[in-house]
N, C-alpha and C. Protein backbone atom coordinates (compact mmCIF):
# COMPACT_ATOMS: atom_id res chain seq x y z
N MET A 1 334.30 97.57 76.45
CA MET A 1 333.37 98.43 75.67
C MET A 1 332.74 97.63 74.33
N ASN A 2 331.33 97.86 74.53
CA ASN A 2 330.57 96.98 73.46
C ASN A 2 330.99 97.67 72.04
N SER A 3 330.84 97.03 70.87
CA SER A 3 331.02 97.43 69.64
C SER A 3 330.39 96.76 68.67
N PRO A 4 329.67 97.60 67.54
CA PRO A 4 329.08 96.81 66.57
C PRO A 4 329.79 96.13 65.72
N VAL A 5 331.08 95.96 65.70
CA VAL A 5 331.90 95.32 65.00
C VAL A 5 332.24 94.02 65.74
N LEU A 6 332.03 92.81 65.01
CA LEU A 6 332.54 91.71 65.68
C LEU A 6 334.01 91.60 65.55
N ARG A 7 334.75 91.72 66.58
CA ARG A 7 336.29 91.86 66.68
C ARG A 7 336.96 90.43 66.75
N ARG A 8 338.04 90.45 66.45
CA ARG A 8 338.90 89.13 66.44
C ARG A 8 339.06 88.73 67.83
N SER A 9 339.01 89.48 68.79
CA SER A 9 339.08 88.92 70.29
C SER A 9 338.12 89.79 71.23
N PHE A 10 337.57 89.21 72.20
CA PHE A 10 336.85 89.84 73.20
C PHE A 10 337.65 89.99 74.48
N ARG A 11 338.92 89.65 74.39
CA ARG A 11 339.89 89.82 75.52
C ARG A 11 340.54 91.02 75.57
N LYS A 12 340.64 91.86 74.55
CA LYS A 12 341.25 93.06 74.67
C LYS A 12 340.52 94.21 74.04
N ASN A 13 341.15 95.50 74.28
CA ASN A 13 340.66 96.82 73.81
C ASN A 13 341.44 96.79 72.52
N PHE A 14 340.77 97.39 71.39
CA PHE A 14 341.63 97.61 70.15
C PHE A 14 341.86 99.17 69.96
N PRO A 15 343.09 99.65 69.93
CA PRO A 15 343.14 101.17 69.50
C PRO A 15 342.50 101.40 68.03
N ALA A 16 341.86 102.56 67.89
CA ALA A 16 341.29 103.08 66.61
C ALA A 16 342.54 103.64 65.80
N ALA A 17 342.82 102.79 64.67
CA ALA A 17 343.83 103.43 63.78
C ALA A 17 343.05 104.41 63.04
N ILE A 18 343.90 105.62 62.86
CA ILE A 18 343.16 106.68 62.11
C ILE A 18 344.08 107.18 60.73
N ARG A 19 345.42 106.81 60.90
CA ARG A 19 346.20 107.43 59.76
C ARG A 19 347.37 106.41 59.52
N GLY A 20 348.03 106.34 58.46
CA GLY A 20 348.93 105.62 58.06
C GLY A 20 350.03 106.36 57.08
N GLU A 21 351.27 106.23 57.32
CA GLU A 21 352.27 106.91 56.44
C GLU A 21 353.51 105.98 56.29
N GLY A 22 353.66 105.30 55.27
CA GLY A 22 354.83 104.37 55.13
C GLY A 22 354.60 103.25 55.73
N VAL A 23 355.63 103.01 56.63
CA VAL A 23 355.52 101.56 57.69
C VAL A 23 354.93 101.94 58.99
N TYR A 24 354.32 103.35 59.11
CA TYR A 24 353.90 103.76 60.49
C TYR A 24 352.28 103.95 60.51
N VAL A 25 351.65 103.59 61.61
CA VAL A 25 350.38 103.80 61.80
C VAL A 25 350.05 104.49 63.06
N TRP A 26 349.09 105.50 62.92
CA TRP A 26 348.71 106.27 64.24
C TRP A 26 347.40 106.05 64.69
N ASP A 27 347.14 105.89 66.00
CA ASP A 27 345.82 105.86 66.54
C ASP A 27 345.29 107.01 67.24
N ALA A 28 343.96 106.79 67.47
CA ALA A 28 343.24 108.15 67.80
C ALA A 28 343.83 108.84 68.93
N ALA A 29 344.65 108.14 69.94
CA ALA A 29 345.24 108.90 71.18
C ALA A 29 346.65 109.45 70.57
N GLY A 30 346.97 109.29 69.32
CA GLY A 30 348.19 109.96 68.94
C GLY A 30 349.37 109.01 68.99
N ASN A 31 349.21 107.79 69.48
CA ASN A 31 350.40 106.71 69.50
C ASN A 31 350.56 106.33 67.97
N LYS A 32 352.19 106.15 67.89
CA LYS A 32 352.62 105.86 66.68
C LYS A 32 353.09 104.44 66.83
N TYR A 33 352.80 103.43 65.72
CA TYR A 33 353.18 102.18 65.74
C TYR A 33 353.86 101.68 64.61
N LEU A 34 354.79 100.84 64.69
CA LEU A 34 355.71 100.35 63.50
C LEU A 34 354.80 99.10 62.94
N ASP A 35 354.43 99.18 61.95
CA ASP A 35 353.56 98.13 61.29
C ASP A 35 354.50 96.97 60.87
N LEU A 36 354.70 95.97 61.73
CA LEU A 36 355.50 94.72 61.51
C LEU A 36 354.69 93.69 60.88
N SER A 37 353.26 93.86 60.84
CA SER A 37 352.50 92.83 60.26
C SER A 37 352.26 93.06 58.77
N GLY A 38 352.32 94.09 58.29
CA GLY A 38 352.18 94.50 56.81
C GLY A 38 350.65 94.02 56.56
N SER A 39 349.67 94.33 57.20
CA SER A 39 348.29 93.75 56.80
C SER A 39 348.45 92.10 56.58
N ALA A 40 349.00 91.48 57.74
CA ALA A 40 349.13 89.97 57.53
C ALA A 40 350.04 89.70 56.45
N ALA A 41 350.98 90.33 56.43
CA ALA A 41 352.40 90.11 55.61
C ALA A 41 351.90 90.18 54.10
N VAL A 42 350.89 90.76 53.66
CA VAL A 42 350.82 90.79 52.21
C VAL A 42 350.58 92.45 51.72
N ASN A 43 350.47 93.28 52.68
CA ASN A 43 350.55 94.67 52.13
C ASN A 43 352.05 95.29 52.10
N PHE A 44 352.83 95.11 51.20
CA PHE A 44 354.19 95.58 51.21
C PHE A 44 354.33 96.96 50.67
N ILE A 45 353.25 97.63 50.06
CA ILE A 45 353.25 98.96 49.54
C ILE A 45 353.32 100.14 50.41
N GLY A 46 353.09 99.90 51.79
CA GLY A 46 353.18 100.98 52.67
C GLY A 46 351.74 101.64 52.92
N HIS A 47 351.70 102.56 53.71
CA HIS A 47 350.45 103.24 54.08
C HIS A 47 350.50 104.75 53.44
N GLY A 48 349.43 105.23 53.07
CA GLY A 48 349.15 106.54 52.66
C GLY A 48 350.24 107.03 51.31
N VAL A 49 350.10 105.98 50.36
CA VAL A 49 351.18 106.29 49.32
C VAL A 49 350.19 107.14 48.36
N PRO A 50 350.53 108.43 48.01
CA PRO A 50 349.76 109.11 47.33
C PRO A 50 349.28 108.64 45.81
N GLU A 51 350.47 108.22 45.12
CA GLU A 51 350.09 107.48 43.72
C GLU A 51 349.14 106.53 43.88
N ILE A 52 348.96 105.66 44.91
CA ILE A 52 348.02 104.61 44.91
C ILE A 52 346.56 105.38 45.07
N SER A 53 346.35 106.15 46.09
CA SER A 53 345.22 106.67 46.23
C SER A 53 344.47 107.53 45.00
N ALA A 54 345.43 108.23 44.36
CA ALA A 54 345.30 108.80 43.18
C ALA A 54 344.79 108.09 42.05
N ALA A 55 345.54 106.67 41.91
CA ALA A 55 345.04 105.94 40.86
C ALA A 55 343.81 105.23 41.19
N MET A 56 343.45 105.12 42.26
CA MET A 56 342.09 104.44 42.85
C MET A 56 341.06 105.63 42.48
N ALA A 57 341.26 106.64 42.75
CA ALA A 57 340.41 107.84 42.54
C ALA A 57 339.94 108.00 41.14
N LYS A 58 341.17 107.96 40.37
CA LYS A 58 340.97 108.07 38.95
C LYS A 58 340.12 107.11 38.07
N GLN A 59 340.36 105.79 38.72
CA GLN A 59 339.53 104.83 38.20
C GLN A 59 337.95 104.79 38.61
N ALA A 60 338.06 105.03 40.01
CA ALA A 60 336.56 105.18 40.68
C ALA A 60 335.74 106.16 39.86
N ALA A 61 336.48 107.24 39.53
CA ALA A 61 335.55 108.37 38.97
C ALA A 61 335.28 108.00 37.43
N LYS A 62 335.92 107.06 36.80
CA LYS A 62 335.52 106.49 35.40
C LYS A 62 334.43 105.40 35.60
N LEU A 63 334.76 104.28 36.43
CA LEU A 63 333.95 103.13 36.59
C LEU A 63 334.54 102.36 37.84
N GLU A 64 333.53 102.14 38.82
CA GLU A 64 334.12 101.49 39.92
C GLU A 64 333.60 99.97 39.79
N PHE A 65 332.73 99.48 39.10
CA PHE A 65 332.56 98.01 38.99
C PHE A 65 331.56 97.61 38.05
N VAL A 66 331.69 96.59 37.17
CA VAL A 66 330.91 95.97 36.14
C VAL A 66 331.00 94.35 36.67
N HIS A 67 329.83 93.78 36.40
CA HIS A 67 330.01 92.54 36.52
C HIS A 67 330.60 91.54 35.57
N THR A 68 331.42 90.63 35.91
CA THR A 68 332.46 89.98 34.97
C THR A 68 331.48 88.85 34.10
N SER A 69 330.22 88.66 34.43
CA SER A 69 329.42 87.72 33.63
C SER A 69 328.88 88.63 32.50
N GLN A 70 329.21 89.97 32.37
CA GLN A 70 328.76 90.73 31.26
C GLN A 70 329.62 91.51 30.76
N PHE A 71 330.80 91.87 31.29
CA PHE A 71 331.77 92.97 30.77
C PHE A 71 333.22 92.46 31.26
N THR A 72 334.22 92.98 30.34
CA THR A 72 335.33 93.06 30.72
C THR A 72 335.68 94.52 30.98
N THR A 73 337.05 94.72 31.32
CA THR A 73 337.46 96.27 31.23
C THR A 73 338.74 96.35 30.79
N PRO A 74 339.14 97.44 30.14
CA PRO A 74 340.58 97.49 29.57
C PRO A 74 341.64 97.45 30.79
N VAL A 75 341.42 98.08 31.93
CA VAL A 75 342.38 97.92 32.97
C VAL A 75 342.65 96.44 33.37
N ALA A 76 341.47 95.64 33.65
CA ALA A 76 341.56 94.41 33.83
C ALA A 76 342.41 93.54 32.84
N GLU A 77 342.12 93.69 31.60
CA GLU A 77 342.85 93.26 30.37
C GLU A 77 344.34 93.45 30.64
N GLU A 78 344.72 94.72 30.60
CA GLU A 78 346.23 95.00 30.80
C GLU A 78 346.91 94.63 32.03
N TYR A 79 346.03 94.57 33.13
CA TYR A 79 346.86 93.97 34.05
C TYR A 79 347.02 92.36 34.09
N ALA A 80 346.02 91.79 33.59
CA ALA A 80 346.10 90.19 33.40
C ALA A 80 347.20 90.07 32.49
N GLU A 81 347.59 90.74 31.40
CA GLU A 81 348.49 90.56 30.59
C GLU A 81 350.06 90.83 31.19
N GLU A 82 349.99 91.85 32.30
CA GLU A 82 351.20 92.19 32.98
C GLU A 82 351.54 91.03 33.78
N LEU A 83 350.53 90.48 34.50
CA LEU A 83 350.82 89.26 35.41
C LEU A 83 351.23 88.19 34.72
N LEU A 84 350.80 87.86 33.70
CA LEU A 84 351.19 86.55 32.77
C LEU A 84 352.56 86.86 32.37
N THR A 85 353.02 88.08 32.02
CA THR A 85 354.34 88.25 31.66
C THR A 85 355.30 88.11 32.65
N PHE A 86 354.77 88.49 33.84
CA PHE A 86 355.61 88.41 34.95
C PHE A 86 355.86 87.10 35.42
N ALA A 87 354.78 86.22 35.32
CA ALA A 87 354.74 84.92 35.75
C ALA A 87 355.71 84.07 35.11
N GLY A 88 355.68 84.27 33.75
CA GLY A 88 357.15 83.70 33.04
C GLY A 88 356.39 82.60 31.97
N GLU A 89 357.21 81.88 31.46
CA GLU A 89 356.94 80.86 30.33
C GLU A 89 356.00 79.99 30.42
N HIS A 90 356.01 79.35 31.58
CA HIS A 90 354.91 78.24 31.80
C HIS A 90 353.59 78.94 31.97
N PHE A 91 353.50 80.04 31.95
CA PHE A 91 351.98 80.79 31.96
C PHE A 91 351.70 81.48 30.70
N ARG A 92 352.65 81.18 29.74
CA ARG A 92 352.37 81.91 28.37
C ARG A 92 351.07 81.48 27.82
N GLY A 93 350.30 82.05 27.30
CA GLY A 93 348.81 81.66 26.63
C GLY A 93 347.79 81.53 27.70
N GLY A 94 348.13 81.70 29.00
CA GLY A 94 347.29 81.41 30.06
C GLY A 94 346.34 82.35 30.41
N ALA A 95 345.51 82.49 31.33
CA ALA A 95 344.35 83.59 31.78
C ALA A 95 344.56 83.59 33.13
N VAL A 96 344.09 84.83 33.63
CA VAL A 96 343.95 85.37 34.85
C VAL A 96 342.45 85.48 35.38
N TYR A 97 342.16 84.78 36.62
CA TYR A 97 340.89 85.02 37.22
C TYR A 97 341.07 85.80 38.51
N PHE A 98 340.51 87.16 38.60
CA PHE A 98 340.82 88.00 39.65
C PHE A 98 339.69 87.59 40.66
N THR A 99 340.23 87.77 42.07
CA THR A 99 339.60 87.56 43.31
C THR A 99 339.80 88.46 44.12
N SER A 100 339.17 88.62 45.32
CA SER A 100 339.28 89.65 46.30
C SER A 100 340.29 89.39 47.27
N GLY A 101 341.06 88.19 47.51
CA GLY A 101 341.85 87.83 48.39
C GLY A 101 342.45 86.56 48.33
N GLY A 102 343.54 86.04 49.12
CA GLY A 102 344.25 84.88 49.04
C GLY A 102 343.05 83.65 49.23
N SER A 103 342.38 83.61 50.34
CA SER A 103 341.44 82.65 50.63
C SER A 103 340.40 82.17 49.52
N GLU A 104 339.96 83.29 48.86
CA GLU A 104 339.11 83.23 47.79
C GLU A 104 339.90 82.50 46.56
N SER A 105 341.00 83.06 46.48
CA SER A 105 341.88 82.53 45.31
C SER A 105 342.11 80.95 45.32
N ILE A 106 342.35 80.59 46.79
CA ILE A 106 342.64 79.15 46.83
C ILE A 106 341.23 78.48 46.67
N GLU A 107 340.28 78.94 47.04
CA GLU A 107 338.70 78.30 46.82
C GLU A 107 338.53 78.21 45.51
N THR A 108 338.82 79.09 44.69
CA THR A 108 338.57 79.17 43.20
C THR A 108 339.62 78.07 42.47
N ALA A 109 340.83 78.05 43.02
CA ALA A 109 341.66 76.92 42.37
C ALA A 109 341.18 75.51 42.67
N LEU A 110 340.58 75.33 44.04
CA LEU A 110 340.22 74.08 44.40
C LEU A 110 339.06 73.66 43.47
N LYS A 111 338.17 74.53 43.40
CA LYS A 111 336.81 74.28 42.72
C LYS A 111 337.11 73.80 41.22
N LEU A 112 338.14 74.77 40.59
CA LEU A 112 338.66 74.53 39.10
C LEU A 112 339.24 73.20 39.28
N ALA A 113 340.14 72.81 39.97
CA ALA A 113 340.89 71.34 39.98
C ALA A 113 339.68 70.26 40.09
N MET A 114 338.85 70.55 40.88
CA MET A 114 337.78 69.41 41.14
C MET A 114 336.78 69.36 39.77
N HIS A 115 336.58 70.36 39.30
CA HIS A 115 335.86 70.40 38.02
C HIS A 115 336.50 69.84 37.05
N VAL A 116 337.94 70.03 36.76
CA VAL A 116 338.51 69.60 35.56
C VAL A 116 338.78 68.29 35.74
N THR A 117 339.26 67.65 37.00
CA THR A 117 339.56 66.36 37.18
C THR A 117 338.64 65.38 37.47
N GLY A 118 337.39 65.96 38.03
CA GLY A 118 336.44 64.92 38.66
C GLY A 118 336.84 64.16 39.85
N ARG A 119 337.81 64.96 40.51
CA ARG A 119 338.35 64.29 41.77
C ARG A 119 338.09 65.05 42.92
N GLU A 120 338.21 64.83 44.30
CA GLU A 120 337.86 65.54 45.48
C GLU A 120 339.16 65.74 46.37
N LYS A 121 340.13 64.78 46.15
CA LYS A 121 341.03 64.80 47.25
C LYS A 121 342.36 65.49 46.84
N PHE A 122 342.86 66.33 47.76
CA PHE A 122 344.17 67.14 47.55
C PHE A 122 345.25 66.65 48.48
N ILE A 123 346.42 67.13 48.10
CA ILE A 123 347.69 66.84 48.69
C ILE A 123 348.19 68.37 49.15
N ALA A 124 348.61 68.40 50.47
CA ALA A 124 349.30 69.89 51.00
C ALA A 124 350.30 69.35 51.83
N PHE A 125 350.93 70.25 52.52
CA PHE A 125 352.13 70.16 53.27
C PHE A 125 351.85 70.52 54.77
N PHE A 126 352.44 69.76 55.64
CA PHE A 126 352.49 70.13 57.26
C PHE A 126 353.24 71.49 57.21
N ASN A 127 352.64 72.27 58.05
CA ASN A 127 353.14 73.69 58.55
C ASN A 127 352.89 74.69 57.42
N SER A 128 351.89 74.40 56.66
CA SER A 128 351.35 75.36 55.71
C SER A 128 350.38 76.10 56.18
N PHE A 129 350.03 77.29 55.58
CA PHE A 129 348.81 78.12 55.84
C PHE A 129 348.27 78.67 54.49
N HIS A 130 346.96 78.33 54.33
CA HIS A 130 346.35 78.81 52.97
C HIS A 130 345.15 79.64 53.21
N GLY A 131 344.55 79.88 54.23
CA GLY A 131 343.53 80.64 54.54
C GLY A 131 342.59 80.15 55.53
N ARG A 132 341.55 80.86 55.62
CA ARG A 132 340.41 80.44 56.85
C ARG A 132 339.16 80.32 56.32
N THR A 133 338.86 80.24 55.24
CA THR A 133 337.58 79.69 54.54
C THR A 133 337.70 78.33 54.58
N LEU A 134 336.56 77.55 54.29
CA LEU A 134 336.50 76.16 54.65
C LEU A 134 337.49 75.38 53.75
N GLY A 135 337.60 75.52 52.33
CA GLY A 135 338.52 75.00 51.66
C GLY A 135 339.99 75.27 51.98
N SER A 136 340.21 76.39 52.10
CA SER A 136 341.67 76.85 52.26
C SER A 136 341.99 76.36 53.72
N LEU A 137 341.06 76.33 54.71
CA LEU A 137 341.27 75.81 56.10
C LEU A 137 341.72 74.25 55.95
N SER A 138 340.95 73.70 54.88
CA SER A 138 341.19 72.25 54.99
C SER A 138 342.63 72.02 54.60
N LEU A 139 343.45 72.69 53.86
CA LEU A 139 344.81 72.65 53.49
C LEU A 139 345.63 72.99 54.55
N THR A 140 345.27 73.83 55.41
CA THR A 140 346.12 74.54 56.39
C THR A 140 346.42 73.62 57.39
N SER A 141 347.69 73.37 57.86
CA SER A 141 347.98 72.45 58.82
C SER A 141 348.79 73.17 60.07
N SER A 142 349.24 74.54 59.81
CA SER A 142 349.86 75.17 60.63
C SER A 142 349.29 75.44 61.97
N LYS A 143 348.02 75.82 61.85
CA LYS A 143 347.24 76.06 63.14
C LYS A 143 346.06 75.01 63.07
N VAL A 144 346.36 73.85 63.69
CA VAL A 144 345.14 72.88 63.48
C VAL A 144 344.10 73.19 64.22
N ALA A 145 344.22 73.92 65.45
CA ALA A 145 343.06 74.43 66.09
C ALA A 145 342.07 75.26 65.48
N GLN A 146 342.42 75.79 64.30
CA GLN A 146 341.49 76.51 63.45
C GLN A 146 340.45 75.49 63.02
N ARG A 147 340.85 74.33 62.64
CA ARG A 147 339.92 73.49 62.04
C ARG A 147 338.99 72.59 63.09
N LEU A 148 339.19 72.95 64.42
CA LEU A 148 338.56 72.32 65.47
C LEU A 148 336.92 72.68 65.21
N GLY A 149 336.00 71.80 65.20
CA GLY A 149 334.54 72.17 65.02
C GLY A 149 334.15 72.07 63.63
N PHE A 150 335.14 71.96 62.75
CA PHE A 150 334.76 71.96 61.38
C PHE A 150 335.21 70.66 60.59
N LYS A 151 335.22 69.68 61.45
CA LYS A 151 335.77 68.45 60.62
C LYS A 151 334.71 67.79 59.64
N ARG A 152 333.61 67.98 59.90
CA ARG A 152 332.71 67.41 58.86
C ARG A 152 332.52 68.22 57.70
N GLN A 153 333.03 69.44 57.77
CA GLN A 153 332.79 70.44 56.58
C GLN A 153 334.12 70.57 55.81
N VAL A 154 335.26 70.03 56.35
CA VAL A 154 336.51 70.41 55.40
C VAL A 154 336.65 69.24 54.49
N LEU A 155 337.42 69.64 53.43
CA LEU A 155 337.74 68.97 52.35
C LEU A 155 338.62 67.68 52.59
N ASP A 156 338.61 66.61 51.79
CA ASP A 156 339.59 65.71 51.91
C ASP A 156 340.98 65.89 51.57
N VAL A 157 341.80 65.99 52.43
CA VAL A 157 343.15 66.65 52.35
C VAL A 157 344.39 65.85 52.95
N VAL A 158 345.29 65.25 52.30
CA VAL A 158 346.22 64.41 52.78
C VAL A 158 347.52 65.49 53.03
N HIS A 159 348.21 65.62 54.29
CA HIS A 159 349.11 66.22 54.46
C HIS A 159 350.56 65.48 54.42
N VAL A 160 351.50 66.03 53.80
CA VAL A 160 352.87 65.38 53.76
C VAL A 160 353.72 66.29 54.29
N PRO A 161 354.98 65.76 54.92
CA PRO A 161 356.18 66.88 54.96
C PRO A 161 356.60 67.55 54.06
N TYR A 162 356.99 68.78 54.56
CA TYR A 162 357.60 69.94 53.60
C TYR A 162 359.14 69.49 53.39
N PRO A 163 359.80 69.76 52.36
CA PRO A 163 361.14 69.67 52.21
C PRO A 163 361.90 70.74 52.81
N ASN A 164 362.17 70.67 54.04
CA ASN A 164 363.13 71.71 54.82
C ASN A 164 364.52 71.34 54.82
N GLU A 165 365.12 71.89 53.98
CA GLU A 165 366.59 71.39 54.01
C GLU A 165 367.36 71.72 55.12
N TYR A 166 366.94 72.61 56.03
CA TYR A 166 367.73 72.85 57.19
C TYR A 166 367.47 71.85 58.39
N ARG A 167 366.11 71.44 58.51
CA ARG A 167 365.73 70.58 59.38
C ARG A 167 365.13 69.35 58.59
N ASN A 168 365.87 68.66 57.92
CA ASN A 168 365.35 67.41 57.20
C ASN A 168 364.41 66.45 57.65
N PRO A 169 363.12 66.43 57.30
CA PRO A 169 362.34 65.42 58.24
C PRO A 169 362.33 63.84 57.43
N PHE A 170 363.13 63.72 56.47
CA PHE A 170 363.13 62.38 55.70
C PHE A 170 364.40 61.61 56.10
N SER A 171 364.44 60.40 55.95
CA SER A 171 365.60 59.59 55.96
C SER A 171 366.42 59.50 54.80
N ALA A 172 367.57 59.23 55.11
CA ALA A 172 368.48 59.06 54.22
C ALA A 172 368.14 58.34 52.86
N ASP A 173 367.45 57.30 53.06
CA ASP A 173 366.94 56.30 51.92
C ASP A 173 365.89 57.15 51.16
N ASP A 174 365.10 57.97 51.81
CA ASP A 174 364.11 58.84 51.10
C ASP A 174 364.85 59.80 50.13
N CYS A 175 365.89 60.33 50.62
CA CYS A 175 366.51 61.58 50.06
C CYS A 175 367.58 60.92 48.93
N GLU A 176 368.08 59.68 48.89
CA GLU A 176 368.78 59.20 47.98
C GLU A 176 370.15 60.14 47.53
N GLY A 177 370.53 60.83 48.60
CA GLY A 177 371.68 61.60 48.44
C GLY A 177 371.37 63.05 47.99
N GLU A 178 370.01 63.41 47.64
CA GLU A 178 369.92 64.65 46.96
C GLU A 178 369.20 65.58 47.82
N GLY A 179 368.94 65.51 49.15
CA GLY A 179 368.34 66.46 50.21
C GLY A 179 367.05 66.17 50.42
N ALA A 180 366.26 67.07 51.16
CA ALA A 180 364.91 66.91 51.45
C ALA A 180 363.98 67.11 50.31
N GLY A 181 364.26 67.77 49.20
CA GLY A 181 363.46 67.81 48.15
C GLY A 181 363.12 66.57 47.54
N ARG A 182 364.14 65.77 47.34
CA ARG A 182 364.05 64.44 46.67
C ARG A 182 363.29 63.63 47.87
N GLY A 183 363.55 63.79 49.19
CA GLY A 183 362.82 63.13 50.23
C GLY A 183 361.31 63.36 50.06
N ALA A 184 360.90 64.45 49.80
CA ALA A 184 359.48 64.86 49.73
C ALA A 184 358.80 64.21 48.57
N LEU A 185 359.54 64.32 47.32
CA LEU A 185 358.90 63.73 46.11
C LEU A 185 358.88 62.06 46.45
N ASN A 186 359.79 61.46 46.91
CA ASN A 186 359.75 59.96 47.00
C ASN A 186 358.61 59.75 48.04
N TRP A 187 358.64 60.60 48.99
CA TRP A 187 357.49 60.34 50.11
C TRP A 187 355.96 60.18 49.42
N ILE A 188 355.93 61.19 48.56
CA ILE A 188 354.70 61.14 47.69
C ILE A 188 354.32 59.99 46.81
N GLU A 189 355.60 59.60 46.07
CA GLU A 189 355.38 58.65 44.96
C GLU A 189 355.51 57.38 45.61
N LYS A 190 356.51 57.03 46.52
CA LYS A 190 356.96 55.73 47.05
C LYS A 190 355.98 55.45 48.30
N ARG A 191 355.61 56.39 48.93
CA ARG A 191 354.82 55.98 50.07
C ARG A 191 353.44 56.17 49.88
N LEU A 192 352.90 57.49 49.82
CA LEU A 192 351.55 57.93 49.84
C LEU A 192 350.96 57.30 48.57
N PHE A 193 351.44 57.41 47.37
CA PHE A 193 350.56 56.71 46.26
C PHE A 193 350.70 55.32 46.36
N LYS A 194 351.37 54.63 47.00
CA LYS A 194 351.36 53.08 47.20
C LYS A 194 350.69 52.57 48.30
N THR A 195 350.25 53.58 49.06
CA THR A 195 349.64 52.98 50.32
C THR A 195 348.21 53.41 50.50
N THR A 196 347.97 54.63 51.07
CA THR A 196 346.68 55.23 51.40
C THR A 196 346.07 55.95 50.18
N THR A 197 346.80 56.76 49.32
CA THR A 197 346.04 57.67 48.38
C THR A 197 346.78 57.27 46.99
N PRO A 198 345.98 56.59 46.28
CA PRO A 198 346.48 56.37 44.68
C PRO A 198 346.35 57.78 44.05
N PRO A 199 347.27 57.95 43.17
CA PRO A 199 347.44 59.10 42.45
C PRO A 199 346.02 59.40 41.60
N GLN A 200 345.35 58.45 41.18
CA GLN A 200 344.07 58.59 40.38
C GLN A 200 342.99 59.22 41.26
N GLU A 201 343.20 59.35 42.57
CA GLU A 201 342.05 59.98 43.44
C GLU A 201 342.44 61.49 43.68
N VAL A 202 343.69 61.77 43.23
CA VAL A 202 344.06 63.31 43.59
C VAL A 202 343.78 64.26 42.60
N ALA A 203 343.11 65.45 42.88
CA ALA A 203 342.70 66.45 42.09
C ALA A 203 343.89 67.55 41.94
N GLY A 204 344.88 67.71 43.04
CA GLY A 204 345.89 68.77 42.73
C GLY A 204 346.61 68.61 44.02
N ILE A 205 347.87 69.29 43.97
CA ILE A 205 348.87 69.59 44.99
C ILE A 205 348.95 70.94 45.24
N VAL A 206 348.68 71.36 46.45
CA VAL A 206 348.75 72.67 46.76
C VAL A 206 349.97 73.17 47.78
N VAL A 207 350.78 74.05 47.48
CA VAL A 207 352.05 74.01 47.87
C VAL A 207 352.38 75.67 47.87
N GLU A 208 353.16 76.08 48.95
CA GLU A 208 353.74 77.48 49.11
C GLU A 208 355.01 77.39 48.56
N VAL A 209 355.51 78.48 47.96
CA VAL A 209 356.74 78.40 47.18
C VAL A 209 357.83 78.65 48.56
N VAL A 210 357.33 79.49 49.38
CA VAL A 210 358.12 79.61 50.54
C VAL A 210 357.16 79.32 51.75
N GLN A 211 357.53 78.49 52.52
CA GLN A 211 356.56 78.43 53.84
C GLN A 211 356.80 79.61 54.72
N GLY A 212 355.71 80.12 55.36
CA GLY A 212 355.77 81.25 56.15
C GLY A 212 355.34 81.21 57.59
N GLU A 213 354.91 80.04 58.00
CA GLU A 213 354.28 79.85 59.32
C GLU A 213 355.25 79.26 60.19
N GLY A 214 355.76 79.89 61.25
CA GLY A 214 356.76 79.27 62.18
C GLY A 214 358.22 79.29 61.54
N GLY A 215 358.55 80.29 60.65
CA GLY A 215 359.72 80.52 60.26
C GLY A 215 359.50 80.55 58.60
N TYR A 216 360.44 81.02 57.82
CA TYR A 216 360.44 80.91 56.32
C TYR A 216 361.39 79.92 55.97
N VAL A 217 360.71 79.03 55.04
CA VAL A 217 361.29 77.96 54.56
C VAL A 217 361.18 77.71 52.89
N PRO A 218 362.21 78.09 52.37
CA PRO A 218 362.05 77.70 51.01
C PRO A 218 362.52 76.43 50.33
N ALA A 219 362.01 75.88 49.31
CA ALA A 219 362.25 74.59 48.82
C ALA A 219 363.21 74.89 47.55
N THR A 220 363.54 73.74 47.12
CA THR A 220 364.81 73.66 45.94
C THR A 220 363.88 73.42 44.64
N LYS A 221 364.56 74.01 43.65
CA LYS A 221 364.14 73.78 42.24
C LYS A 221 363.92 72.26 41.93
N LEU A 222 364.70 71.46 42.57
CA LEU A 222 364.35 69.98 42.18
C LEU A 222 363.15 69.59 42.72
N PHE A 223 362.69 70.07 43.86
CA PHE A 223 361.43 69.90 44.44
C PHE A 223 360.16 70.20 43.59
N PHE A 224 360.45 71.63 43.12
CA PHE A 224 359.39 72.00 42.34
C PHE A 224 359.08 71.32 40.95
N ASP A 225 360.28 71.27 40.30
CA ASP A 225 360.41 70.29 39.05
C ASP A 225 359.74 69.15 39.13
N GLY A 226 360.02 68.48 40.26
CA GLY A 226 359.38 66.95 40.66
C GLY A 226 358.04 67.10 40.80
N LEU A 227 357.53 68.33 41.50
CA LEU A 227 356.10 68.27 41.65
C LEU A 227 355.24 68.46 40.31
N ARG A 228 356.03 69.35 39.57
CA ARG A 228 355.24 69.52 38.28
C ARG A 228 355.43 68.22 37.29
N ARG A 229 356.46 67.53 37.49
CA ARG A 229 356.30 66.10 36.91
C ARG A 229 355.31 65.01 37.32
N ILE A 230 355.45 65.35 38.67
CA ILE A 230 354.21 64.22 39.29
C ILE A 230 352.78 64.75 38.92
N CYS A 231 352.38 65.98 38.80
CA CYS A 231 351.17 66.52 38.45
C CYS A 231 350.94 66.04 36.95
């Protein structure tokens, strides 16, 4: 069936979702689905929550949009303060830049890092996923096929092993008896920085707190403290 919508696949027909409630979605034929994708794993608020639609309608009735080059809004100021408080002491005195989604957030962070440092190279981790726009796609290694056809357009990114404590990819010498977190830090400092990628060329390191492609892999505090020191 032809559609005016450019769909994600031409190999199948898509049911028309018409209603949602909690963790369930219904299509036009009355079929009920358990939503296990959660809108690509980021919509954890559920469908059809009346408090949310009421809050959206209340705000839209007052003001739906003003350009941030000209105005701020009380709701943005209040929410930014709430986010900084939630983020903790390392973000005290910081500022929030609002975007429309994850990929746009990554793109903004990359541009900011390049602007501040004057550098263009980044470090990311194997099996990571950061998005599908060109900059975020450059960082993503979990689905290499996504980058096919875009090699000339992607950013300069070096991928290194992620510190999986369950399936440690590093040697005992790399880990120094402290596990995969130490192994990853030594890989960056003692191998990468001393061979192909001097630290003076790196604009930033992009990392997921918990890797979510192909399993859920958390890293240790030692690893993140080490990354902060390296940066």
